[in-house]
C-alpha atoms as a PDB file:
ATOM      1  CA  MET A   1      17.355 -10.900 -22.153  1.00  0.00           C
ATOM      2  CA  ALA A   2      13.571 -11.591 -22.113  1.00  0.00           C
ATOM      3  CA  ALA A   3      11.598 -10.975 -25.240  1.00  0.00           C
ATOM      4  CA  ALA A   4       9.210  -7.813 -25.195  1.00  0.00           C
ATOM      5  CA  GLY A   5       5.723  -8.558 -24.161  1.00  0.00           C
ATOM      6  CA  VAL A   6       6.343 -12.107 -22.883  1.00  0.00           C
ATOM      7  CA  VAL A   7       6.732 -13.176 -19.211  1.00  0.00           C
ATOM      8  CA  ALA A   8      10.255 -14.682 -18.539  1.00  0.00           C
ATOM      9  CA  ALA A   9      10.719 -17.544 -16.058  1.00  0.00           C
ATOM     10  CA  ALA A  10      13.671 -17.555 -13.795  1.00  0.00           C
ATOM     11  CA  GLY A  11      14.741 -21.040 -12.608  1.00  0.00           C
ATOM     12  CA  SER A  12      17.805 -20.138 -10.706  1.00  0.00           C
ATOM     13  CA  ALA A  13      19.649 -17.276  -8.969  1.00  0.00           C
ATOM     14  CA  GLN A  14      21.793 -16.874 -11.881  1.00  0.00           C
ATOM     15  CA  GLN A  15      19.165 -16.579 -14.305  1.00  0.00           C
ATOM     16  CA  LEU A  16      17.274 -14.070 -12.269  1.00  0.00           C
ATOM     17  CA  GLY A  17      20.508 -11.972 -11.872  1.00  0.00           C
ATOM     18  CA  GLN A  18      20.924 -11.775 -15.681  1.00  0.00           C
ATOM     19  CA  LEU A  19      17.096 -10.928 -16.056  1.00  0.00           C
ATOM     20  CA  LEU A  20      17.854  -7.953 -13.397  1.00  0.00           C
ATOM     21  CA  ARG A  21      20.506  -6.430 -15.390  1.00  0.00           C
ATOM     22  CA  GLN A  22      18.355  -4.600 -17.895  1.00  0.00           C
ATOM     23  CA  PRO A  23      19.900  -1.711 -19.883  1.00  0.00           C
ATOM     24  CA  GLY A  24      19.198   1.850 -18.933  1.00  0.00           C
ATOM     25  CA  GLY A  25      17.728   1.021 -15.351  1.00  0.00           C
ATOM     26  CA  SER A  26      14.474  -0.048 -17.117  1.00  0.00           C
ATOM     27  CA  LEU A  27      11.843  -1.720 -14.570  1.00  0.00           C
ATOM     28  CA  VAL A  28      11.863  -5.487 -13.821  1.00  0.00           C
ATOM     29  CA  VAL A  29       8.975  -6.939 -11.876  1.00  0.00           C
ATOM     30  CA  VAL A  30       9.428 -10.445 -10.340  1.00  0.00           C
ATOM     31  CA  HIS A  31       6.448 -12.683  -9.446  1.00  0.00           C
ATOM     32  CA  PHE A  32       7.589 -15.055  -6.388  1.00  0.00           C
ATOM     33  CA  TRP A  33       4.768 -17.688  -6.929  1.00  0.00           C
ATOM     34  CA  ALA A  34       3.860 -21.247  -6.211  1.00  0.00           C
ATOM     35  CA  PRO A  35       2.060 -23.944  -8.266  1.00  0.00           C
ATOM     36  CA  TRP A  36      -0.347 -24.891  -5.390  1.00  0.00           C
ATOM     37  CA  ALA A  37      -1.745 -21.502  -4.908  1.00  0.00           C
ATOM     38  CA  PRO A  38      -4.631 -20.504  -7.137  1.00  0.00           C
ATOM     39  CA  GLN A  39      -4.082 -16.805  -6.400  1.00  0.00           C
ATOM     40  CA  CYS A  40      -0.671 -17.082  -7.970  1.00  0.00           C
ATOM     41  CA  ALA A  41      -2.178 -18.566 -11.181  1.00  0.00           C
ATOM     42  CA  GLN A  42      -4.566 -15.612 -11.408  1.00  0.00           C
ATOM     43  CA  MET A  43      -1.766 -13.158 -10.801  1.00  0.00           C
ATOM     44  CA  ASN A  44       0.446 -14.872 -13.463  1.00  0.00           C
ATOM     45  CA  GLU A  45      -2.327 -13.970 -15.998  1.00  0.00           C
ATOM     46  CA  VAL A  46      -2.346 -10.212 -14.775  1.00  0.00           C
ATOM     47  CA  MET A  47       1.385 -10.295 -15.415  1.00  0.00           C
ATOM     48  CA  ALA A  48       1.046 -11.671 -18.853  1.00  0.00           C
ATOM     49  CA  THR A  49      -1.630  -8.892 -19.590  1.00  0.00           C
ATOM     50  CA  LEU A  50       0.760  -6.151 -18.182  1.00  0.00           C
ATOM     51  CA  ALA A  51       3.785  -7.616 -20.166  1.00  0.00           C
ATOM     52  CA  LYS A  52       1.682  -7.013 -23.364  1.00  0.00           C
ATOM     53  CA  GLU A  53       0.781  -3.404 -22.331  1.00  0.00           C
ATOM     54  CA  HIS A  54       4.224  -2.406 -20.992  1.00  0.00           C
ATOM     55  CA  THR A  55       6.621  -3.883 -23.505  1.00  0.00           C
ATOM     56  CA  HIS A  56       9.715  -1.789 -22.032  1.00  0.00           C
ATOM     57  CA  VAL A  57       9.099  -3.650 -18.582  1.00  0.00           C
ATOM     58  CA  THR A  58      10.604  -6.940 -17.790  1.00  0.00           C
ATOM     59  CA  PHE A  59       8.200  -9.475 -16.141  1.00  0.00           C
ATOM     60  CA  VAL A  60       9.510 -12.556 -14.578  1.00  0.00           C
ATOM     61  CA  THR A  61       8.097 -15.353 -12.638  1.00  0.00           C
ATOM     62  CA  LEU A  62      10.164 -17.180  -9.985  1.00  0.00           C
ATOM     63  CA  GLU A  63       8.874 -20.401  -8.071  1.00  0.00           C
ATOM     64  CA  ALA A  64       9.612 -19.379  -4.516  1.00  0.00           C
ATOM     65  CA  GLU A  65      10.098 -22.878  -3.060  1.00  0.00           C
ATOM     66  CA  ALA A  66      12.143 -24.077  -6.077  1.00  0.00           C
ATOM     67  CA  VAL A  67      14.906 -21.538  -5.635  1.00  0.00           C
ATOM     68  CA  PRO A  68      14.833 -21.065  -1.829  1.00  0.00           C
ATOM     69  CA  GLU A  69      18.130 -19.040  -1.676  1.00  0.00           C
ATOM     70  CA  VAL A  70      16.564 -16.430  -3.509  1.00  0.00           C
ATOM     71  CA  SER A  71      13.332 -16.360  -1.487  1.00  0.00           C
ATOM     72  CA  GLU A  72      15.480 -16.185   1.751  1.00  0.00           C
ATOM     73  CA  LYS A  73      17.617 -13.373   0.397  1.00  0.00           C
ATOM     74  CA  TYR A  74      14.507 -11.310  -0.618  1.00  0.00           C
ATOM     75  CA  GLU A  75      12.592 -12.406   2.794  1.00  0.00           C
ATOM     76  CA  ILE A  76       9.678 -14.026   0.777  1.00  0.00           C
ATOM     77  CA  SER A  77       7.444 -15.667   3.392  1.00  0.00           C
ATOM     78  CA  SER A  78       4.449 -15.829   1.411  1.00  0.00           C
ATOM     79  CA  VAL A  79       3.055 -16.023  -2.122  1.00  0.00           C
ATOM     80  CA  PRO A  80       2.102 -14.409  -4.272  1.00  0.00           C
ATOM     81  CA  THR A  81       4.897 -11.566  -3.613  1.00  0.00           C
ATOM     82  CA  PHE A  82       6.060  -9.105  -6.179  1.00  0.00           C
ATOM     83  CA  LEU A  83       9.374  -7.362  -6.115  1.00  0.00           C
ATOM     84  CA  PHE A  84      10.316  -4.224  -8.459  1.00  0.00           C
ATOM     85  CA  PHE A  85      13.893  -3.559  -9.532  1.00  0.00           C
ATOM     86  CA  LYS A  86      15.797  -0.902 -11.278  1.00  0.00           C
ATOM     87  CA  ASN A  87      19.414  -1.234 -11.955  1.00  0.00           C
ATOM     88  CA  SER A  88      19.595  -4.729 -10.115  1.00  0.00           C
ATOM     89  CA  GLN A  89      18.214  -2.677  -6.981  1.00  0.00           C
ATOM     90  CA  LYS A  90      14.927  -3.475  -5.364  1.00  0.00           C
ATOM     91  CA  VAL A  91      12.922  -0.471  -5.340  1.00  0.00           C
ATOM     92  CA  ASP A  92       9.380  -1.657  -4.243  1.00  0.00           C
ATOM     93  CA  ARG A  93       7.559  -4.568  -2.896  1.00  0.00           C
ATOM     94  CA  LEU A  94       3.797  -5.874  -3.013  1.00  0.00           C
ATOM     95  CA  ASP A  95       2.600  -8.867  -0.981  1.00  0.00           C
ATOM     96  CA  GLY A  96      -0.556 -10.354  -1.887  1.00  0.00           C
ATOM     97  CA  ALA A  97      -2.880 -10.873  -4.895  1.00  0.00           C
ATOM     98  CA  HIS A  98      -3.901  -7.523  -5.494  1.00  0.00           C
ATOM     99  CA  ALA A  99      -4.149  -6.860  -9.271  1.00  0.00           C
ATOM    100  CA  PRO A 100      -5.223  -3.114  -9.148  1.00  0.00           C
ATOM    101  CA  GLU A 101      -2.180  -2.233  -6.874  1.00  0.00           C
ATOM    102  CA  LEU A 102       0.105  -4.280  -8.906  1.00  0.00           C
ATOM    103  CA  THR A 103      -1.096  -2.208 -12.044  1.00  0.00           C
ATOM    104  CA  LYS A 104      -0.867   0.982 -10.302  1.00  0.00           C
ATOM    105  CA  LYS A 105       2.870   0.155  -9.281  1.00  0.00           C
ATOM    106  CA  VAL A 106       3.793  -1.013 -12.460  1.00  0.00           C
ATOM    107  CA  GLN A 107       2.471   2.202 -14.079  1.00  0.00           C
ATOM    108  CA  ARG A 108       4.144   4.444 -11.522  1.00  0.00           C
ATOM    109  CA  HIS A 109       7.470   2.688 -11.655  1.00  0.00           C
ATOM    110  CA  ALA A 110       7.620   2.372 -15.431  1.00  0.00           C
ATOM    111  CA  SER A 111       6.867   6.052 -16.134  1.00  0.00           C
ATOM    112  CA  SER A 112       8.774   7.522 -13.226  1.00  0.00           C
ATOM    113  CA  SER A 113      11.315   8.941 -15.523  1.00  0.00           C
ATOM    114  CA  SER A 114       9.049  10.725 -17.802  1.00  0.00           C
ATOM    115  CA  VAL A 115       5.607  11.461 -16.043  1.00  0.00           C
ATOM    116  CA  SER A 116       3.497  14.267 -17.114  1.00  0.00           C
ATOM    117  CA  ALA A 117       2.151  16.857 -14.867  1.00  0.00           C
ATOM    118  CA  GLY A 118      -1.283  15.524 -14.845  1.00  0.00           C
ATOM    119  CA  SER A 119      -0.484  12.049 -13.998  1.00  0.00           C
ATOM    120  CA  ASN A 120       2.436  13.385 -11.584  1.00  0.00           C
ATOM    121  CA  ASP A 121      -0.577  15.176  -9.753  1.00  0.00           C
ATOM    122  CA  SER A 122      -2.630  11.905  -9.489  1.00  0.00           C
ATOM    123  CA  ALA A 123       0.492  10.022  -8.298  1.00  0.00           C
ATOM    124  CA  LYS A 124       0.956  12.376  -5.433  1.00  0.00           C
ATOM    125  CA  GLU A 125      -2.808  12.050  -4.426  1.00  0.00           C
ATOM    126  CA  ASP A 126      -2.398   8.111  -4.409  1.00  0.00           C
ATOM    127  CA  LEU A 127       1.023   8.660  -2.316  1.00  0.00           C
ATOM    128  CA  THR A 128      -0.780  10.941   0.158  1.00  0.00           C
ATOM    129  CA  ALA A 129      -3.712   8.564   0.574  1.00  0.00           C
ATOM    130  CA  ARG A 130      -1.313   5.684   1.166  1.00  0.00           C
ATOM    131  CA  LEU A 131       0.628   7.666   3.696  1.00  0.00           C
ATOM    132  CA  LYS A 132      -2.441   8.428   5.533  1.00  0.00           C
ATOM    133  CA  LYS A 133      -3.380   4.711   5.719  1.00  0.00           C
ATOM    134  CA  LEU A 134       0.005   3.832   6.890  1.00  0.00           C
ATOM    135  CA  ILE A 135       0.396   6.308   9.771  1.00  0.00           C
ATOM    136  CA  ASN A 136      -3.152   5.211  10.986  1.00  0.00           C
ATOM    137  CA  ALA A 137      -2.333   1.393  10.683  1.00  0.00           C
ATOM    138  CA  ALA A 138      -1.875   1.089  14.491  1.00  0.00           C
ATOM    139  CA  PRO A 139      -2.378   3.329  17.480  1.00  0.00           C
ATOM    140  CA  CYS A 140       1.235   4.028  17.584  1.00  0.00           C
ATOM    141  CA  MET A 141       3.365   3.659  14.377  1.00  0.00           C
ATOM    142  CA  LEU A 142       7.177   3.673  13.999  1.00  0.00           C
ATOM    143  CA  PHE A 143       8.597   4.501  10.575  1.00  0.00           C
ATOM    144  CA  MET A 144      11.975   3.017  10.925  1.00  0.00           C
ATOM    145  CA  LYS A 145      14.931   1.564   9.085  1.00  0.00           C
ATOM    146  CA  GLY A 146      14.715  -2.279   9.472  1.00  0.00           C
ATOM    147  CA  SER A 147      12.271  -3.986  11.945  1.00  0.00           C
ATOM    148  CA  PRO A 148      12.053  -4.000  15.795  1.00  0.00           C
ATOM    149  CA  LYS A 149      13.845  -7.479  15.567  1.00  0.00           C
ATOM    150  CA  GLU A 150      16.442  -6.199  13.241  1.00  0.00           C
ATOM    151  CA  PRO A 151      16.976  -2.517  13.200  1.00  0.00           C
ATOM    152  CA  ARG A 152      19.374  -1.434  10.601  1.00  0.00           C
ATOM    153  CA  CYS A 153      20.556   1.890  12.038  1.00  0.00           C
ATOM    154  CA  GLY A 154      21.708   3.093  15.445  1.00  0.00           C
ATOM    155  CA  PHE A 155      18.924   5.473  15.825  1.00  0.00           C
ATOM    156  CA  SER A 156      16.072   3.147  14.920  1.00  0.00           C
ATOM    157  CA  LYS A 157      17.709   0.732  17.428  1.00  0.00           C
ATOM    158  CA  GLN A 158      17.690   3.252  20.230  1.00  0.00           C
ATOM    159  CA  MET A 159      13.997   4.227  19.482  1.00  0.00           C
ATOM    160  CA  VAL A 160      12.987   0.594  19.534  1.00  0.00           C
ATOM    161  CA  GLU A 161      14.682   0.034  22.879  1.00  0.00           C
ATOM    162  CA  ILE A 162      13.043   2.914  24.604  1.00  0.00           C
ATOM    163  CA  LEU A 163       9.532   2.001  23.420  1.00  0.00           C
ATOM    164  CA  ASN A 164      10.170  -1.797  24.573  1.00  0.00           C
ATOM    165  CA  LYS A 165      11.606  -0.474  27.788  1.00  0.00           C
ATOM    166  CA  HIS A 166       8.172   1.536  28.598  1.00  0.00           C
ATOM    167  CA  GLY A 167       6.155  -1.478  27.427  1.00  0.00           C
ATOM    168  CA  ILE A 168       4.730   0.567  24.724  1.00  0.00           C
ATOM    169  CA  SER A 169       2.555  -1.055  22.025  1.00  0.00           C
ATOM    170  CA  PHE A 170       3.677  -0.078  18.519  1.00  0.00           C
ATOM    171  CA  SER A 171       3.571  -1.346  14.951  1.00  0.00           C
ATOM    172  CA  SER A 172       6.438  -0.486  12.641  1.00  0.00           C
ATOM    173  CA  PHE A 173       7.074   0.014   8.826  1.00  0.00           C
ATOM    174  CA  ASP A 174      10.525  -0.582   7.377  1.00  0.00           C
ATOM    175  CA  ILE A 175      11.115   2.527   5.155  1.00  0.00           C
ATOM    176  CA  PHE A 176      13.974   0.588   3.224  1.00  0.00           C
ATOM    177  CA  SER A 177      11.137  -1.822   1.717  1.00  0.00           C
ATOM    178  CA  ASP A 178       9.490   1.184  -0.230  1.00  0.00           C
ATOM    179  CA  GLU A 179      11.487   4.123  -1.480  1.00  0.00           C
ATOM    180  CA  GLU A 180       8.334   5.961  -2.336  1.00  0.00           C
ATOM    181  CA  VAL A 181       7.108   5.803   1.144  1.00  0.00           C
ATOM    182  CA  ARG A 182      10.673   6.682   2.469  1.00  0.00           C
ATOM    183  CA  GLN A 183      10.907   9.804   0.476  1.00  0.00           C
ATOM    184  CA  GLY A 184       7.145  10.725   0.489  1.00  0.00           C
ATOM    185  CA  LEU A 185       6.925  10.750   4.316  1.00  0.00           C
ATOM    186  CA  LYS A 186       9.464  13.199   4.647  1.00  0.00           C
ATOM    187  CA  THR A 187       7.732  15.789   2.859  1.00  0.00           C
ATOM    188  CA  TYR A 188       4.029  14.743   4.110  1.00  0.00           C
ATOM    189  CA  SER A 189       5.126  15.226   7.727  1.00  0.00           C
ATOM    190  CA  ASN A 190       7.877  17.876   7.053  1.00  0.00           C
ATOM    191  CA  TRP A 191      10.447  15.811   9.016  1.00  0.00           C
ATOM    192  CA  PRO A 192      13.557  14.917   7.232  1.00  0.00           C
ATOM    193  CA  THR A 193      15.040  12.095   9.089  1.00  0.00           C
ATOM    194  CA  TYR A 194      14.186   8.553  10.376  1.00  0.00           C
ATOM    195  CA  PRO A 195      12.773   7.000  12.781  1.00  0.00           C
ATOM    196  CA  GLN A 196       9.658   8.942  13.044  1.00  0.00           C
ATOM    197  CA  LEU A 197       6.850   8.024  15.563  1.00  0.00           C
ATOM    198  CA  TYR A 198       3.300   8.721  15.130  1.00  0.00           C
ATOM    199  CA  VAL A 199       0.398   8.276  17.673  1.00  0.00           C
ATOM    200  CA  ALA A 200      -3.175   8.449  16.710  1.00  0.00           C
ATOM    201  CA  GLY A 201      -2.093   9.570  13.048  1.00  0.00           C
ATOM    202  CA  GLU A 202      -0.128  12.527  14.530  1.00  0.00           C
ATOM    203  CA  LEU A 203       3.718  12.938  14.322  1.00  0.00           C
ATOM    204  CA  ILE A 204       5.237  12.891  17.645  1.00  0.00           C
ATOM    205  CA  GLY A 205       8.947  13.269  16.324  1.00  0.00           C
ATOM    206  CA  GLY A 206      12.212  11.441  15.990  1.00  0.00           C
ATOM    207  CA  LEU A 207      14.547   9.958  18.523  1.00  0.00           C
ATOM    208  CA  ASP A 208      15.679  13.319  20.252  1.00  0.00           C
ATOM    209  CA  ILE A 209      12.127  14.163  20.850  1.00  0.00           C
ATOM    210  CA  ILE A 210      11.201  10.720  22.245  1.00  0.00           C
ATOM    211  CA  LYS A 211      14.415  11.053  24.527  1.00  0.00           C
ATOM    212  CA  GLU A 212      13.037  14.483  25.739  1.00  0.00           C
ATOM    213  CA  LEU A 213       9.552  13.134  26.541  1.00  0.00           C
ATOM    214  CA  GLU A 214      11.071  10.037  28.338  1.00  0.00           C
ATOM    215  CA  ALA A 215      13.255  12.312  30.558  1.00  0.00           C
ATOM    216  CA  SER A 216      10.163  14.450  31.220  1.00  0.00           C
ATOM    217  CA  GLY A 217       7.946  11.459  31.996  1.00  0.00           C
ATOM    218  CA  GLU A 218       5.430  12.216  29.300  1.00  0.00           C
ATOM    219  CA  LEU A 219       6.237   9.423  27.074  1.00  0.00           C
ATOM    220  CA  ASP A 220       4.117   7.040  29.093  1.00  0.00           C
ATOM    221  CA  THR A 221       0.991   9.375  28.855  1.00  0.00           C
ATOM    222  CA  ILE A 222       1.271   9.895  24.942  1.00  0.00           C
ATOM    223  CA  CYS A 223       1.846   6.008  23.878  1.00  0.00           C
ATOM    224  CA  PRO A 224      -0.353   3.056  24.203  1.00  0.00           C
ATOM    225  CA  LYS A 225       0.823   0.597  26.701  1.00  0.00           C
ATOM    226  CA  ALA A 226       1.312  -3.041  25.230  1.00  0.00           C
ATOM    227  CA  GLN A 227      -0.705  -5.760  26.652  1.00  0.00           C
ATOM    228  CA  LYS A 228       1.926  -8.409  27.877  1.00  0.00           C
ATOM    229  CA  LEU A 229       2.914 -10.877  25.078  1.00  0.00           C
ATOM    230  CA  GLU A 230       2.067 -13.686  27.329  1.00  0.00           C
ATOM    231  CA  ASP A 231      -1.346 -12.603  27.969  1.00  0.00           C
ATOM    232  CA  ARG A 232      -2.090 -11.882  24.487  1.00  0.00           C
ATOM    233  CA  LEU A 233      -0.899 -15.421  23.192  1.00  0.00           C
ATOM    234  CA  LYS A 234      -3.161 -17.017  25.837  1.00  0.00           C
ATOM    235  CA  ALA A 235      -6.136 -14.957  24.727  1.00  0.00           C
ATOM    236  CA  LEU A 236      -5.558 -15.843  21.087  1.00  0.00           C
ATOM    237  CA  ILE A 237      -5.152 -19.624  21.538  1.00  0.00           C
ATOM    238  CA  ASN A 238      -8.438 -19.405  23.559  1.00  0.00           C
ATOM    239  CA  LYS A 239     -10.263 -17.140  21.205  1.00  0.00           C
ATOM    240  CA  ALA A 240     -12.028 -20.383  19.760  1.00  0.00           C
ATOM    241  CA  PRO A 241     -12.180 -24.061  20.716  1.00  0.00           C
ATOM    242  CA  VAL A 242     -10.275 -24.833  17.769  1.00  0.00           C
ATOM    243  CA  MET A 243      -7.679 -22.397  16.687  1.00  0.00           C
ATOM    244  CA  LEU A 244      -5.259 -22.702  13.679  1.00  0.00           C
ATOM    245  CA  PHE A 245      -2.111 -20.256  13.391  1.00  0.00           C
ATOM    246  CA  MET A 246      -0.999 -20.145   9.990  1.00  0.00           C
ATOM    247  CA  LYS A 247       0.200 -18.225   6.888  1.00  0.00           C
ATOM    248  CA  GLY A 248      -2.891 -16.791   5.305  1.00  0.00           C
ATOM    249  CA  ASN A 249      -6.336 -17.588   6.212  1.00  0.00           C
ATOM    250  CA  LYS A 250      -9.263 -20.274   5.520  1.00  0.00           C
ATOM    251  CA  GLN A 251      -9.888 -18.565   2.032  1.00  0.00           C
ATOM    252  CA  THR A 252      -6.312 -17.947   0.909  1.00  0.00           C
ATOM    253  CA  ALA A 253      -3.458 -19.921   2.418  1.00  0.00           C
ATOM    254  CA  LYS A 254       0.015 -18.489   1.764  1.00  0.00           C
ATOM    255  CA  CYS A 255       2.052 -21.510   2.122  1.00  0.00           C
ATOM    256  CA  GLY A 256       1.775 -25.326   1.181  1.00  0.00           C
ATOM    257  CA  PHE A 257       1.714 -26.568   4.530  1.00  0.00           C
ATOM    258  CA  SER A 258      -0.958 -24.122   5.730  1.00  0.00           C
ATOM    259  CA  LYS A 259      -2.918 -25.118   2.691  1.00  0.00           C
ATOM    260  CA  GLN A 260      -2.760 -28.780   3.425  1.00  0.00           C
ATOM    261  CA  ILE A 261      -3.747 -28.419   7.107  1.00  0.00           C
ATOM    262  CA  ILE A 262      -6.913 -26.381   6.319  1.00  0.00           C
ATOM    263  CA  GLU A 263      -7.885 -29.020   3.627  1.00  0.00           C
ATOM    264  CA  ILE A 264      -7.686 -31.793   6.333  1.00  0.00           C
ATOM    265  CA  ILE A 265      -9.464 -29.583   8.953  1.00  0.00           C
ATOM    266  CA  ASN A 266     -12.238 -28.693   6.462  1.00  0.00           C
ATOM    267  CA  ASN A 267     -12.931 -32.331   5.755  1.00  0.00           C
ATOM    268  CA  THR A 268     -13.803 -33.113   9.420  1.00  0.00           C
ATOM    269  CA  GLY A 269     -16.618 -30.339   9.317  1.00  0.00           C
ATOM    270  CA  VAL A 270     -15.515 -29.058  12.561  1.00  0.00           C
ATOM    271  CA  ASP A 271     -15.606 -25.244  13.083  1.00  0.00           C
ATOM    272  CA  TYR A 272     -12.363 -23.355  13.594  1.00  0.00           C
ATOM    273  CA  GLU A 273     -10.892 -20.076  13.521  1.00  0.00           C
ATOM    274  CA  THR A 274      -7.530 -18.992  12.069  1.00  0.00           C
ATOM    275  CA  PHE A 275      -4.800 -16.180  12.864  1.00  0.00           C
ATOM    276  CA  ASP A 276      -2.498 -14.889   9.940  1.00  0.00           C
ATOM    277  CA  ILE A 277       0.884 -14.952  11.516  1.00  0.00           C
ATOM    278  CA  LEU A 278       2.090 -13.066   8.672  1.00  0.00           C
ATOM    279  CA  GLU A 279       0.142 -10.111   9.976  1.00  0.00           C
ATOM    280  CA  ASP A 280       1.538  -9.792  13.399  1.00  0.00           C
ATOM    281  CA  GLU A 281       5.480 -10.329  13.596  1.00  0.00           C
ATOM    282  CA  GLU A 282       5.315 -10.315  17.493  1.00  0.00           C
ATOM    283  CA  VAL A 283       2.947 -13.160  17.630  1.00  0.00           C
ATOM    284  CA  ARG A 284       4.510 -14.977  14.870  1.00  0.00           C
ATOM    285  CA  GLN A 285       7.868 -14.977  16.982  1.00  0.00           C
ATOM    286  CA  GLY A 286       6.495 -15.076  20.514  1.00  0.00           C
ATOM    287  CA  LEU A 287       4.353 -18.093  19.854  1.00  0.00           C
ATOM    288  CA  LYS A 288       7.116 -20.031  18.822  1.00  0.00           C
ATOM    289  CA  THR A 289       8.711 -19.718  22.311  1.00  0.00           C
ATOM    290  CA  TYR A 290       5.434 -20.047  24.186  1.00  0.00           C
ATOM    291  CA  SER A 291       4.514 -23.341  22.687  1.00  0.00           C
ATOM    292  CA  ASN A 292       8.160 -24.401  22.096  1.00  0.00           C
ATOM    293  CA  TRP A 293       7.112 -25.329  18.367  1.00  0.00           C
ATOM    294  CA  PRO A 294       9.420 -23.547  15.961  1.00  0.00           C
ATOM    295  CA  THR A 295       7.417 -23.955  12.793  1.00  0.00           C
ATOM    296  CA  TYR A 296       3.863 -22.988  11.358  1.00  0.00           C
ATOM    297  CA  PRO A 297       1.181 -23.972  10.973  1.00  0.00           C
ATOM    298  CA  GLN A 298       0.320 -24.583  14.884  1.00  0.00           C
ATOM    299  CA  LEU A 299      -3.095 -26.171  15.754  1.00  0.00           C
ATOM    300  CA  TYR A 300      -4.661 -25.769  19.311  1.00  0.00           C
ATOM    301  CA  VAL A 301      -7.665 -27.117  20.824  1.00  0.00           C
ATOM    302  CA  LYS A 302      -9.065 -25.679  24.000  1.00  0.00           C
ATOM    303  CA  GLY A 303      -5.880 -23.693  24.605  1.00  0.00           C
ATOM    304  CA  GLU A 304      -3.697 -26.694  24.211  1.00  0.00           C
ATOM    305  CA  LEU A 305      -1.114 -27.368  21.241  1.00  0.00           C
ATOM    306  CA  VAL A 306      -2.141 -30.385  19.280  1.00  0.00           C
ATOM    307  CA  GLY A 307       0.877 -29.730  16.847  1.00  0.00           C
ATOM    308  CA  GLY A 308       1.750 -28.962  13.108  1.00  0.00           C
ATOM    309  CA  LEU A 309       1.093 -30.510   9.807  1.00  0.00           C
ATOM    310  CA  ASP A 310       2.866 -33.853  10.429  1.00  0.00           C
ATOM    311  CA  ILE A 311       1.078 -34.281  13.719  1.00  0.00           C
ATOM    312  CA  VAL A 312      -2.302 -33.615  12.342  1.00  0.00           C
ATOM    313  CA  LYS A 313      -1.585 -35.980   9.210  1.00  0.00           C
ATOM    314  CA  GLU A 314      -0.634 -38.794  12.007  1.00  0.00           C
ATOM    315  CA  LEU A 315      -3.988 -38.039  13.802  1.00  0.00           C
ATOM    316  CA  LYS A 316      -5.885 -38.348  10.583  1.00  0.00           C
ATOM    317  CA  GLU A 317      -4.553 -41.440   9.678  1.00  0.00           C
ATOM    318  CA  SER A 318      -5.037 -43.260  13.077  1.00  0.00           C
ATOM    319  CA  GLY A 319      -8.476 -41.916  13.267  1.00  0.00           C
ATOM    320  CA  GLU A 320      -7.904 -39.587  16.484  1.00  0.00           C
ATOM    321  CA  LEU A 321      -8.162 -36.216  14.761  1.00  0.00           C
ATOM    322  CA  LEU A 322     -11.893 -35.823  14.961  1.00  0.00           C
ATOM    323  CA  PRO A 323     -12.418 -36.840  18.568  1.00  0.00           C
ATOM    324  CA  ILE A 324      -9.423 -34.311  19.347  1.00  0.00           C
ATOM    325  CA  LEU A 325     -10.958 -31.489  17.515  1.00  0.00           C
ATOM    326  CA  LYS A 326     -14.500 -31.971  19.280  1.00  0.00           C
ATOM    327  CA  GLY A 327     -12.767 -32.135  22.422  1.00  0.00           C
ATOM    328  CA  GLU A 328     -13.646 -35.743  23.181  1.00  0.00           C
ATOM    329  CA  ASN A 329     -10.072 -36.743  23.674  1.00  0.00           C
END
């Protein structure tokens, strides 16, 4: 068991499992981090401060790339990522270095069993703001169980199939990833089941309603049409003469390979733009097929794929990188 007020380190799946088994269902916060990411070091300092303030909460750090089986199990694709557990079950998640949001979530989950009326009202206001932001995150938002690639219930699967069949552009939110959103949205929308489809911030309905709209021909007029994925990808890779598809952005790389490649490109002095593939699952998966290149980062010059980190390193060593980036080769 971790000492109160101290951040524990888990170096294996077994150690993490032991730390998650806290008595009385008390909160456990796990920071998936990497030593090469400065934002992780900053968030480790935030964790240390929170550990002193919340001695009844267990705070744990786990180096994501050192224990890959755990990172894979919890779908950790970038650092820092924070998972919140009670009774060894994940109850919430936070991606990115957001100290105020981390503090809020710790306070909310740590006090969920004994909140006062005043703080409860404040928590409801925070949740309402979150829900409004989520349902307006895209012109067409689907709240579902799982993801469009991997739906985790039959109703969600049918909904995705209908939307895809009609070429409708939509973003999604996995309600399994956030229990607070899952329960709160039912009350907010006065709709007790999932999936739920929103257009322009307004609830359209669940699967039965969407089936009725499809049968009447109204679905195509209500929901925005998707740009063909191939057209989207062509537009993106030609957005700038030099385009880098990576995890994160120039300021904050979210994986070691992306960090290395931006350091190399920055040293050439050539202007380039980036696209964060963690922000768009469709692009992330689609570009792998389009370019026949299975990993990230991916570097493009004038719409043509140059390659990933290993290729860029080879070009740097041979002296060919700078002419290629300038479009001279």
